[in-house]
PDB file of N, CA and C in Angstrom:
ATOM      1  N   MET A   1       0.947  -1.303   0.313  1.00  0.00           N
ATOM      2  CA  MET A   1      -0.299  -0.088   0.313  1.00  0.00           C
ATOM      3  C   MET A   1       0.617   1.269   0.259  1.00  0.00           C
ATOM      4  N   LYS A   2       0.609   2.176  -0.798  1.00  0.00           N
ATOM      5  CA  LYS A   2       1.080   3.437  -1.220  1.00  0.00           C
ATOM      6  C   LYS A   2       0.739   4.385   0.171  1.00  0.00           C
ATOM      7  N   TYR A   3       1.560   5.188   0.380  1.00  0.00           N
ATOM      8  CA  TYR A   3       0.994   6.499   1.714  1.00  0.00           C
ATOM      9  C   TYR A   3       1.136   7.603   1.177  1.00  0.00           C
ATOM     10  N   CYS A   4       0.439   8.559   1.563  1.00  0.00           N
ATOM     11  CA  CYS A   4       0.690  10.363   1.027  1.00  0.00           C
ATOM     12  C   CYS A   4       0.558  10.534   1.961  1.00  0.00           C
ATOM     13  N   GLN A   5       0.715  12.277   2.330  1.00  0.00           N
ATOM     14  CA  GLN A   5       0.831  12.774   3.371  1.00  0.00           C
ATOM     15  C   GLN A   5      -0.650  12.805   3.982  1.00  0.00           C
ATOM     16  N   PRO A   6      -0.607  13.168   5.503  1.00  0.00           N
ATOM     17  CA  PRO A   6      -2.162  13.143   5.700  1.00  0.00           C
ATOM     18  C   PRO A   6      -2.802  14.625   5.117  1.00  0.00           C
ATOM     19  N   ALA A   7      -2.510  15.571   5.087  1.00  0.00           N
ATOM     20  CA  ALA A   7      -3.135  16.965   4.686  1.00  0.00           C
ATOM     21  C   ALA A   7      -3.500  16.587   2.941  1.00  0.00           C
ATOM     22  N   ASP A   8      -2.739  15.586   2.078  1.00  0.00           N
ATOM     23  CA  ASP A   8      -2.603  15.211   1.119  1.00  0.00           C
ATOM     24  C   ASP A   8      -3.890  14.678   0.912  1.00  0.00           C
ATOM     25  N   LEU A   9      -5.579  14.480   0.488  1.00  0.00           N
ATOM     26  CA  LEU A   9      -6.148  13.928   0.231  1.00  0.00           C
ATOM     27  C   LEU A   9      -6.705  13.478  -0.897  1.00  0.00           C
ATOM     28  N   ASN A  10      -5.408  13.361  -1.617  1.00  0.00           N
ATOM     29  CA  ASN A  10      -5.992  12.819  -3.392  1.00  0.00           C
ATOM     30  C   ASN A  10      -5.554  11.104  -2.971  1.00  0.00           C
ATOM     31  N   LEU A  11      -6.821  10.833  -3.264  1.00  0.00           N
ATOM     32  CA  LEU A  11      -6.877   9.439  -3.517  1.00  0.00           C
ATOM     33  C   LEU A  11      -7.001   8.840  -4.841  1.00  0.00           C
ATOM     34  N   GLN A  12      -6.784   9.735  -5.758  1.00  0.00           N
ATOM     35  CA  GLN A  12      -7.640   9.266  -7.090  1.00  0.00           C
ATOM     36  C   GLN A  12      -6.729   7.969  -8.082  1.00  0.00           C
ATOM     37  N   SER A  13      -5.608   7.817  -7.463  1.00  0.00           N
ATOM     38  CA  SER A  13      -4.946   7.086  -8.050  1.00  0.00           C
ATOM     39  C   SER A  13      -4.805   6.067  -7.159  1.00  0.00           C
ATOM     40  N   GLY A  14      -5.675   5.609  -6.132  1.00  0.00           N
ATOM     41  CA  GLY A  14      -5.716   4.447  -5.660  1.00  0.00           C
ATOM     42  C   GLY A  14      -5.106   4.192  -4.455  1.00  0.00           C
ATOM     43  N   LEU A  15      -4.796   5.204  -3.842  1.00  0.00           N
ATOM     44  CA  LEU A  15      -3.245   5.835  -2.869  1.00  0.00           C
ATOM     45  C   LEU A  15      -4.263   5.684  -1.770  1.00  0.00           C
ATOM     46  N   ALA A  16      -3.611   4.963  -0.708  1.00  0.00           N
ATOM     47  CA  ALA A  16      -3.775   5.291   0.405  1.00  0.00           C
ATOM     48  C   ALA A  16      -3.505   6.290   1.517  1.00  0.00           C
ATOM     49  N   VAL A  17      -4.209   7.047   1.971  1.00  0.00           N
ATOM     50  CA  VAL A  17      -3.930   7.949   3.137  1.00  0.00           C
ATOM     51  C   VAL A  17      -3.541   8.044   4.352  1.00  0.00           C
ATOM     52  N   LYS A  18      -2.374   8.548   4.944  1.00  0.00           N
ATOM     53  CA  LYS A  18      -2.486   8.178   6.690  1.00  0.00           C
ATOM     54  C   LYS A  18      -2.708   9.654   7.260  1.00  0.00           C
ATOM     55  N   TRP A  19      -4.172   9.623   8.115  1.00  0.00           N
ATOM     56  CA  TRP A  19      -5.122  10.469   8.003  1.00  0.00           C
ATOM     57  C   TRP A  19      -5.127  10.320  10.141  1.00  0.00           C
ATOM     58  N   SER A  20      -5.181  12.096  10.007  1.00  0.00           N
ATOM     59  CA  SER A  20      -5.408  11.827  11.499  1.00  0.00           C
ATOM     60  C   SER A  20      -6.300  13.366  12.254  1.00  0.00           C
ATOM     61  N   ASP A  21      -6.691  13.488  12.950  1.00  0.00           N
ATOM     62  CA  ASP A  21      -7.216  14.545  13.469  1.00  0.00           C
ATOM     63  C   ASP A  21      -6.224  15.327  14.352  1.00  0.00           C
ATOM     64  N   ASN A  22      -5.593  14.714  14.463  1.00  0.00           N
ATOM     65  CA  ASN A  22      -4.443  14.930  15.676  1.00  0.00           C
ATOM     66  C   ASN A  22      -3.092  14.763  15.059  1.00  0.00           C
ATOM     67  N   ASP A  23      -2.045  15.806  14.372  1.00  0.00           N
ATOM     68  CA  ASP A  23      -0.252  14.809  14.124  1.00  0.00           C
ATOM     69  C   ASP A  23      -0.080  14.439  15.525  1.00  0.00           C
ATOM     70  N   ALA A  24      -0.398  14.906  16.568  1.00  0.00           N
ATOM     71  CA  ALA A  24       0.722  14.587  18.172  1.00  0.00           C
ATOM     72  C   ALA A  24      -0.178  13.245  18.463  1.00  0.00           C
ATOM     73  N   ASP A  25      -0.871  12.433  18.080  1.00  0.00           N
ATOM     74  CA  ASP A  25      -1.632  11.836  18.739  1.00  0.00           C
ATOM     75  C   ASP A  25      -1.716  10.576  17.294  1.00  0.00           C
ATOM     76  N   ARG A  26      -0.525   9.871  17.583  1.00  0.00           N
ATOM     77  CA  ARG A  26       0.128   8.737  17.149  1.00  0.00           C
ATOM     78  C   ARG A  26      -0.817   7.627  16.903  1.00  0.00           C
ATOM     79  N   SER A  27      -1.151   7.339  17.599  1.00  0.00           N
ATOM     80  CA  SER A  27      -2.298   6.409  17.709  1.00  0.00           C
ATOM     81  C   SER A  27      -4.059   6.701  17.050  1.00  0.00           C
ATOM     82  N   ALA A  28      -4.316   7.628  16.521  1.00  0.00           N
ATOM     83  CA  ALA A  28      -5.100   8.151  15.842  1.00  0.00           C
ATOM     84  C   ALA A  28      -4.976   8.429  14.368  1.00  0.00           C
ATOM     85  N   LYS A  29      -3.835   7.521  14.004  1.00  0.00           N
ATOM     86  CA  LYS A  29      -3.194   7.907  12.187  1.00  0.00           C
ATOM     87  C   LYS A  29      -4.004   6.907  11.887  1.00  0.00           C
ATOM     88  N   TRP A  30      -5.232   6.812  10.803  1.00  0.00           N
ATOM     89  CA  TRP A  30      -5.933   5.804   9.994  1.00  0.00           C
ATOM     90  C   TRP A  30      -5.415   5.879   8.226  1.00  0.00           C
ATOM     91  N   ALA A  31      -5.486   4.478   7.922  1.00  0.00           N
ATOM     92  CA  ALA A  31      -5.263   4.858   6.443  1.00  0.00           C
ATOM     93  C   ALA A  31      -6.562   4.591   5.688  1.00  0.00           C
ATOM     94  N   LEU A  32      -7.069   5.546   4.628  1.00  0.00           N
ATOM     95  CA  LEU A  32      -7.973   5.608   4.033  1.00  0.00           C
ATOM     96  C   LEU A  32      -7.755   4.902   2.599  1.00  0.00           C
ATOM     97  N   PHE A  33      -8.657   4.239   1.940  1.00  0.00           N
ATOM     98  CA  PHE A  33      -8.144   3.384   0.969  1.00  0.00           C
ATOM     99  C   PHE A  33      -9.819   3.521   0.046  1.00  0.00           C
ATOM    100  N   TYR A  34      -9.198   3.425  -1.562  1.00  0.00           N
ATOM    101  CA  TYR A  34     -10.531   2.989  -2.202  1.00  0.00           C
ATOM    102  C   TYR A  34     -10.217   1.607  -2.498  1.00  0.00           C
ATOM    103  N   ALA A  35     -10.986   0.204  -2.538  1.00  0.00           N
ATOM    104  CA  ALA A  35     -10.877  -0.823  -3.269  1.00  0.00           C
ATOM    105  C   ALA A  35     -11.461  -1.289  -4.717  1.00  0.00           C
ATOM    106  N   GLY A  36     -11.327  -2.465  -5.111  1.00  0.00           N
ATOM    107  CA  GLY A  36     -11.998  -2.741  -6.115  1.00  0.00           C
ATOM    108  C   GLY A  36     -13.382  -3.210  -6.279  1.00  0.00           C
ATOM    109  N   ASP A  37     -14.058  -2.791  -5.663  1.00  0.00           N
ATOM    110  CA  ASP A  37     -15.559  -2.616  -5.236  1.00  0.00           C
ATOM    111  C   ASP A  37     -16.375  -1.793  -6.039  1.00  0.00           C
ATOM    112  N   ARG A  38     -16.518  -1.377  -7.175  1.00  0.00           N
ATOM    113  CA  ARG A  38     -17.083  -0.086  -7.967  1.00  0.00           C
ATOM    114  C   ARG A  38     -18.527  -0.510  -7.960  1.00  0.00           C
ATOM    115  N   GLN A  39     -18.626  -1.905  -7.876  1.00  0.00           N
ATOM    116  CA  GLN A  39     -20.429  -2.262  -8.120  1.00  0.00           C
ATOM    117  C   GLN A  39     -21.137  -1.701  -6.527  1.00  0.00           C
ATOM    118  N   GLU A  40     -20.483  -1.357  -5.807  1.00  0.00           N
ATOM    119  CA  GLU A  40     -21.015  -0.629  -4.596  1.00  0.00           C
ATOM    120  C   GLU A  40     -21.239   0.782  -4.733  1.00  0.00           C
ATOM    121  N   PRO A  41     -22.149   1.457  -3.998  1.00  0.00           N
ATOM    122  CA  PRO A  41     -21.845   2.624  -3.878  1.00  0.00           C
ATOM    123  C   PRO A  41     -21.062   3.448  -3.714  1.00  0.00           C
ATOM    124  N   PRO A  42     -20.534   4.952  -3.841  1.00  0.00           N
ATOM    125  CA  PRO A  42     -19.436   5.134  -3.193  1.00  0.00           C
ATOM    126  C   PRO A  42     -18.806   4.905  -1.870  1.00  0.00           C
ATOM    127  N   HIS A  43     -17.888   4.823  -1.346  1.00  0.00           N
ATOM    128  CA  HIS A  43     -17.238   4.713  -0.379  1.00  0.00           C
ATOM    129  C   HIS A  43     -16.231   4.925   0.135  1.00  0.00           C
ATOM    130  N   ILE A  44     -15.625   4.558   1.092  1.00  0.00           N
ATOM    131  CA  ILE A  44     -14.229   4.800   1.415  1.00  0.00           C
ATOM    132  C   ILE A  44     -14.191   3.770   2.775  1.00  0.00           C
ATOM    133  N   HIS A  45     -12.763   3.155   2.738  1.00  0.00           N
ATOM    134  CA  HIS A  45     -12.487   2.023   3.903  1.00  0.00           C
ATOM    135  C   HIS A  45     -11.289   2.967   4.173  1.00  0.00           C
ATOM    136  N   VAL A  46     -11.449   2.867   6.013  1.00  0.00           N
ATOM    137  CA  VAL A  46     -10.741   3.324   6.700  1.00  0.00           C
ATOM    138  C   VAL A  46      -9.907   1.812   7.834  1.00  0.00           C
ATOM    139  N   GLU A  47      -8.663   1.908   7.837  1.00  0.00           N
ATOM    140  CA  GLU A  47      -8.098   0.883   8.897  1.00  0.00           C
ATOM    141  C   GLU A  47      -7.061   1.587   9.353  1.00  0.00           C
ATOM    142  N   ARG A  48      -6.585   0.980  10.744  1.00  0.00           N
ATOM    143  CA  ARG A  48      -5.563   1.265  11.585  1.00  0.00           C
ATOM    144  C   ARG A  48      -5.407  -0.114  12.728  1.00  0.00           C
ATOM    145  N   ASP A  49      -4.096  -0.575  12.569  1.00  0.00           N
ATOM    146  CA  ASP A  49      -4.204  -1.717  12.877  1.00  0.00           C
ATOM    147  C   ASP A  49      -4.606  -2.898  12.623  1.00  0.00           C
ATOM    148  N   ASP A  50      -5.470  -3.687  13.400  1.00  0.00           N
ATOM    149  CA  ASP A  50      -6.607  -4.577  12.963  1.00  0.00           C
ATOM    150  C   ASP A  50      -7.732  -3.840  13.192  1.00  0.00           C
ATOM    151  N   CYS A  51      -8.620  -2.803  13.243  1.00  0.00           N
ATOM    152  CA  CYS A  51      -9.477  -2.369  12.854  1.00  0.00           C
ATOM    153  C   CYS A  51      -9.904  -1.705  11.661  1.00  0.00           C
ATOM    154  N   LEU A  52     -11.062  -1.816  11.315  1.00  0.00           N
ATOM    155  CA  LEU A  52     -11.290  -1.680  10.150  1.00  0.00           C
ATOM    156  C   LEU A  52     -13.027  -1.153  10.157  1.00  0.00           C
ATOM    157  N   ALA A  53     -13.328  -0.023   8.937  1.00  0.00           N
ATOM    158  CA  ALA A  53     -14.374   0.736   9.055  1.00  0.00           C
ATOM    159  C   ALA A  53     -14.546   0.932   7.395  1.00  0.00           C
ATOM    160  N   LYS A  54     -15.956   0.818   6.950  1.00  0.00           N
ATOM    161  CA  LYS A  54     -16.357   1.319   5.674  1.00  0.00           C
ATOM    162  C   LYS A  54     -17.464   2.385   6.043  1.00  0.00           C
ATOM    163  N   PHE A  55     -17.058   3.428   5.031  1.00  0.00           N
ATOM    164  CA  PHE A  55     -18.496   4.941   5.226  1.00  0.00           C
ATOM    165  C   PHE A  55     -18.774   4.240   3.870  1.00  0.00           C
ATOM    166  N   TRP A  56     -20.223   4.863   3.526  1.00  0.00           N
ATOM    167  CA  TRP A  56     -20.896   5.385   2.398  1.00  0.00           C
ATOM    168  C   TRP A  56     -20.085   6.423   2.364  1.00  0.00           C
ATOM    169  N   LEU A  57     -20.475   7.541   1.354  1.00  0.00           N
ATOM    170  CA  LEU A  57     -20.110   8.584   0.961  1.00  0.00           C
ATOM    171  C   LEU A  57     -21.088   9.636  -0.069  1.00  0.00           C
ATOM    172  N   GLU A  58     -22.076   8.765   0.108  1.00  0.00           N
ATOM    173  CA  GLU A  58     -23.139   9.217  -0.383  1.00  0.00           C
ATOM    174  C   GLU A  58     -24.629   9.211   0.350  1.00  0.00           C
ATOM    175  N   PRO A  59     -25.718   9.450   1.416  1.00  0.00           N
ATOM    176  CA  PRO A  59     -24.746  10.354   2.019  1.00  0.00           C
ATOM    177  C   PRO A  59     -24.082   9.565   2.875  1.00  0.00           C
ATOM    178  N   VAL A  60     -22.894  10.633   4.049  1.00  0.00           N
ATOM    179  CA  VAL A  60     -21.818   9.839   4.676  1.00  0.00           C
ATOM    180  C   VAL A  60     -22.708   8.786   5.882  1.00  0.00           C
ATOM    181  N   ARG A  61     -22.508   7.619   5.693  1.00  0.00           N
ATOM    182  CA  ARG A  61     -23.176   7.131   7.214  1.00  0.00           C
ATOM    183  C   ARG A  61     -21.602   5.750   7.384  1.00  0.00           C
ATOM    184  N   LEU A  62     -22.018   5.273   8.509  1.00  0.00           N
ATOM    185  CA  LEU A  62     -21.317   4.233   8.759  1.00  0.00           C
ATOM    186  C   LEU A  62     -21.811   3.184   8.100  1.00  0.00           C
ATOM    187  N   GLN A  63     -21.238   1.941   7.251  1.00  0.00           N
ATOM    188  CA  GLN A  63     -21.645   0.841   7.008  1.00  0.00           C
ATOM    189  C   GLN A  63     -21.533  -0.514   7.222  1.00  0.00           C
ATOM    190  N   ARG A  64     -20.024  -0.384   8.184  1.00  0.00           N
ATOM    191  CA  ARG A  64     -19.766  -1.366   8.957  1.00  0.00           C
ATOM    192  C   ARG A  64     -18.263  -1.249   9.698  1.00  0.00           C
ATOM    193  N   SER A  65     -18.098  -1.907  11.039  1.00  0.00           N
ATOM    194  CA  SER A  65     -16.921  -1.485  11.818  1.00  0.00           C
ATOM    195  C   SER A  65     -16.802  -2.563  12.434  1.00  0.00           C
ATOM    196  N   GLY A  66     -15.120  -2.949  12.305  1.00  0.00           N
ATOM    197  CA  GLY A  66     -14.761  -3.711  12.995  1.00  0.00           C
ATOM    198  C   GLY A  66     -13.474  -3.354  13.976  1.00  0.00           C
ATOM    199  N   GLY A  67     -13.388  -3.211  15.631  1.00  0.00           N
ATOM    200  CA  GLY A  67     -12.378  -2.541  16.293  1.00  0.00           C
ATOM    201  C   GLY A  67     -12.023  -1.490  16.570  1.00  0.00           C
ATOM    202  N   PHE A  68     -12.715  -0.918  16.015  1.00  0.00           N
ATOM    203  CA  PHE A  68     -12.726   1.122  16.520  1.00  0.00           C
ATOM    204  C   PHE A  68     -13.655   0.978  17.557  1.00  0.00           C
ATOM    205  N   ASP A  69     -13.360   2.011  18.535  1.00  0.00           N
ATOM    206  CA  ASP A  69     -14.139   2.137  19.575  1.00  0.00           C
ATOM    207  C   ASP A  69     -15.084   3.377  19.191  1.00  0.00           C
ATOM    208  N   SER A  70     -16.671   3.500  20.025  1.00  0.00           N
ATOM    209  CA  SER A  70     -17.743   4.541  19.569  1.00  0.00           C
ATOM    210  C   SER A  70     -17.076   5.918  19.324  1.00  0.00           C
ATOM    211  N   SER A  71     -16.040   6.399  19.879  1.00  0.00           N
ATOM    212  CA  SER A  71     -15.561   7.686  20.368  1.00  0.00           C
ATOM    213  C   SER A  71     -14.355   7.873  19.031  1.00  0.00           C
ATOM    214  N   GLU A  72     -14.198   6.523  18.815  1.00  0.00           N
ATOM    215  CA  GLU A  72     -12.991   6.889  17.401  1.00  0.00           C
ATOM    216  C   GLU A  72     -14.051   6.795  16.062  1.00  0.00           C
ATOM    217  N   ILE A  73     -15.094   5.966  16.001  1.00  0.00           N
ATOM    218  CA  ILE A  73     -15.349   6.105  14.605  1.00  0.00           C
ATOM    219  C   ILE A  73     -16.419   7.180  14.711  1.00  0.00           C
ATOM    220  N   SER A  74     -16.541   7.839  15.730  1.00  0.00           N
ATOM    221  CA  SER A  74     -17.201   9.239  15.790  1.00  0.00           C
ATOM    222  C   SER A  74     -16.541  10.521  14.643  1.00  0.00           C
ATOM    223  N   ARG A  75     -15.166  10.065  15.582  1.00  0.00           N
ATOM    224  CA  ARG A  75     -13.974  11.119  15.085  1.00  0.00           C
ATOM    225  C   ARG A  75     -13.806  10.938  13.406  1.00  0.00           C
ATOM    226  N   ILE A  76     -13.893   9.611  13.416  1.00  0.00           N
ATOM    227  CA  ILE A  76     -13.650   9.234  11.838  1.00  0.00           C
ATOM    228  C   ILE A  76     -14.952  10.066  10.793  1.00  0.00           C
ATOM    229  N   GLU A  77     -15.958   9.432  11.404  1.00  0.00           N
ATOM    230  CA  GLU A  77     -17.127   9.706  10.388  1.00  0.00           C
ATOM    231  C   GLU A  77     -16.991  11.433  10.321  1.00  0.00           C
ATOM    232  N   LYS A  78     -16.764  12.205  11.544  1.00  0.00           N
ATOM    233  CA  LYS A  78     -16.515  13.714  11.122  1.00  0.00           C
ATOM    234  C   LYS A  78     -15.423  14.074  10.154  1.00  0.00           C
ATOM    235  N   LEU A  79     -14.281  13.298  10.052  1.00  0.00           N
ATOM    236  CA  LEU A  79     -13.634  13.512   9.146  1.00  0.00           C
ATOM    237  C   LEU A  79     -13.911  13.056   7.994  1.00  0.00           C
ATOM    238  N   VAL A  80     -14.731  12.146   7.664  1.00  0.00           N
ATOM    239  CA  VAL A  80     -15.163  11.724   6.282  1.00  0.00           C
ATOM    240  C   VAL A  80     -16.252  12.402   5.661  1.00  0.00           C
ATOM    241  N   ALA A  81     -17.215  13.324   6.865  1.00  0.00           N
ATOM    242  CA  ALA A  81     -17.765  14.167   6.223  1.00  0.00           C
ATOM    243  C   ALA A  81     -17.579  15.438   6.011  1.00  0.00           C
ATOM    244  N   GLU A  82     -16.439  15.467   6.729  1.00  0.00           N
ATOM    245  CA  GLU A  82     -15.979  17.280   6.201  1.00  0.00           C
ATOM    246  C   GLU A  82     -15.127  17.279   4.610  1.00  0.00           C
ATOM    247  N   GLN A  83     -14.631  15.966   4.687  1.00  0.00           N
ATOM    248  CA  GLN A  83     -14.136  15.928   3.398  1.00  0.00           C
ATOM    249  C   GLN A  83     -14.906  15.061   1.864  1.00  0.00           C
ATOM    250  N   SER A  84     -15.844  14.957   2.180  1.00  0.00           N
ATOM    251  CA  SER A  84     -16.631  13.993   1.548  1.00  0.00           C
ATOM    252  C   SER A  84     -16.904  14.515   0.286  1.00  0.00           C
ATOM    253  N   GLU A  85     -16.866  15.691  -0.070  1.00  0.00           N
ATOM    254  CA  GLU A  85     -16.900  16.147  -1.916  1.00  0.00           C
ATOM    255  C   GLU A  85     -15.420  15.510  -2.256  1.00  0.00           C
ATOM    256  N   GLN A  86     -14.278  16.082  -1.628  1.00  0.00           N
ATOM    257  CA  GLN A  86     -13.189  15.459  -2.084  1.00  0.00           C
ATOM    258  C   GLN A  86     -12.721  14.076  -2.043  1.00  0.00           C
ATOM    259  N   LEU A  87     -13.348  13.413  -1.115  1.00  0.00           N
ATOM    260  CA  LEU A  87     -13.115  11.844  -1.220  1.00  0.00           C
ATOM    261  C   LEU A  87     -14.365  11.278  -2.169  1.00  0.00           C
ATOM    262  N   LEU A  88     -15.354  11.704  -2.543  1.00  0.00           N
ATOM    263  CA  LEU A  88     -15.925  11.499  -3.837  1.00  0.00           C
ATOM    264  C   LEU A  88     -15.872  11.523  -5.053  1.00  0.00           C
ATOM    265  N   LYS A  89     -15.236  12.795  -5.009  1.00  0.00           N
ATOM    266  CA  LYS A  89     -14.486  13.228  -6.023  1.00  0.00           C
ATOM    267  C   LYS A  89     -13.236  12.186  -6.758  1.00  0.00           C
ATOM    268  N   GLY A  90     -12.663  12.065  -5.748  1.00  0.00           N
ATOM    269  CA  GLY A  90     -11.812  10.841  -5.430  1.00  0.00           C
ATOM    270  C   GLY A  90     -12.072   9.192  -6.125  1.00  0.00           C
ATOM    271  N   TRP A  91     -13.203   9.256  -5.610  1.00  0.00           N
ATOM    272  CA  TRP A  91     -13.766   7.941  -5.915  1.00  0.00           C
ATOM    273  C   TRP A  91     -14.073   7.882  -7.756  1.00  0.00           C
ATOM    274  N   ASN A  92     -14.632   8.862  -7.895  1.00  0.00           N
ATOM    275  CA  ASN A  92     -15.283   8.612  -9.467  1.00  0.00           C
ATOM    276  C   ASN A  92     -13.889   8.881 -10.385  1.00  0.00           C
ATOM    277  N   GLU A  93     -13.118   9.728  -9.822  1.00  0.00           N
ATOM    278  CA  GLU A  93     -11.853   9.681 -10.798  1.00  0.00           C
ATOM    279  C   GLU A  93     -10.994   7.760 -10.668  1.00  0.00           C
ATOM    280  N   TYR A  94     -11.330   7.404  -9.452  1.00  0.00           N
ATOM    281  CA  TYR A  94     -10.484   6.096  -9.268  1.00  0.00           C
ATOM    282  C   TYR A  94     -11.103   5.366  -9.752  1.00  0.00           C
ATOM    283  N   PHE A  95     -12.571   5.155 -10.232  1.00  0.00           N
ATOM    284  CA  PHE A  95     -13.329   4.535 -11.282  1.00  0.00           C
ATOM    285  C   PHE A  95     -13.597   4.588 -12.245  1.00  0.00           C
ATOM    286  N   SER A  96     -13.220   6.033 -12.800  1.00  0.00           N
ATOM    287  CA  SER A  96     -13.778   6.512 -13.838  1.00  0.00           C
ATOM    288  C   SER A  96     -15.011   6.715 -14.462  1.00  0.00           C
ATOM    289  N   ARG A  97     -15.985   7.330 -13.012  1.00  0.00           N
ATOM    290  CA  ARG A  97     -17.228   7.076 -13.628  1.00  0.00           C
ATOM    291  C   ARG A  97     -17.471   8.878 -14.039  1.00  0.00           C
TER     292      ARG A  97
END
């Protein structure tokens, strides 16, 4: 998996992004990525260590989660909502919609 900087949310080439809402908190770094499941509605995968979540992008909502506690899911969902336009644009470019 290839990574770019947290501030660079350009996922158009399927790059994963190390993403955090607090750069000083290393435990809150998440990897965001698109996977090869284009037949599903636009969504983003988020992982950290053994935790994984999937968020639909239109509208933003949690599809499933495993391992994240509720407060961390809330933080991730807030960030996904704040960046949903850019994430959706990246989805469409990645899957050439």
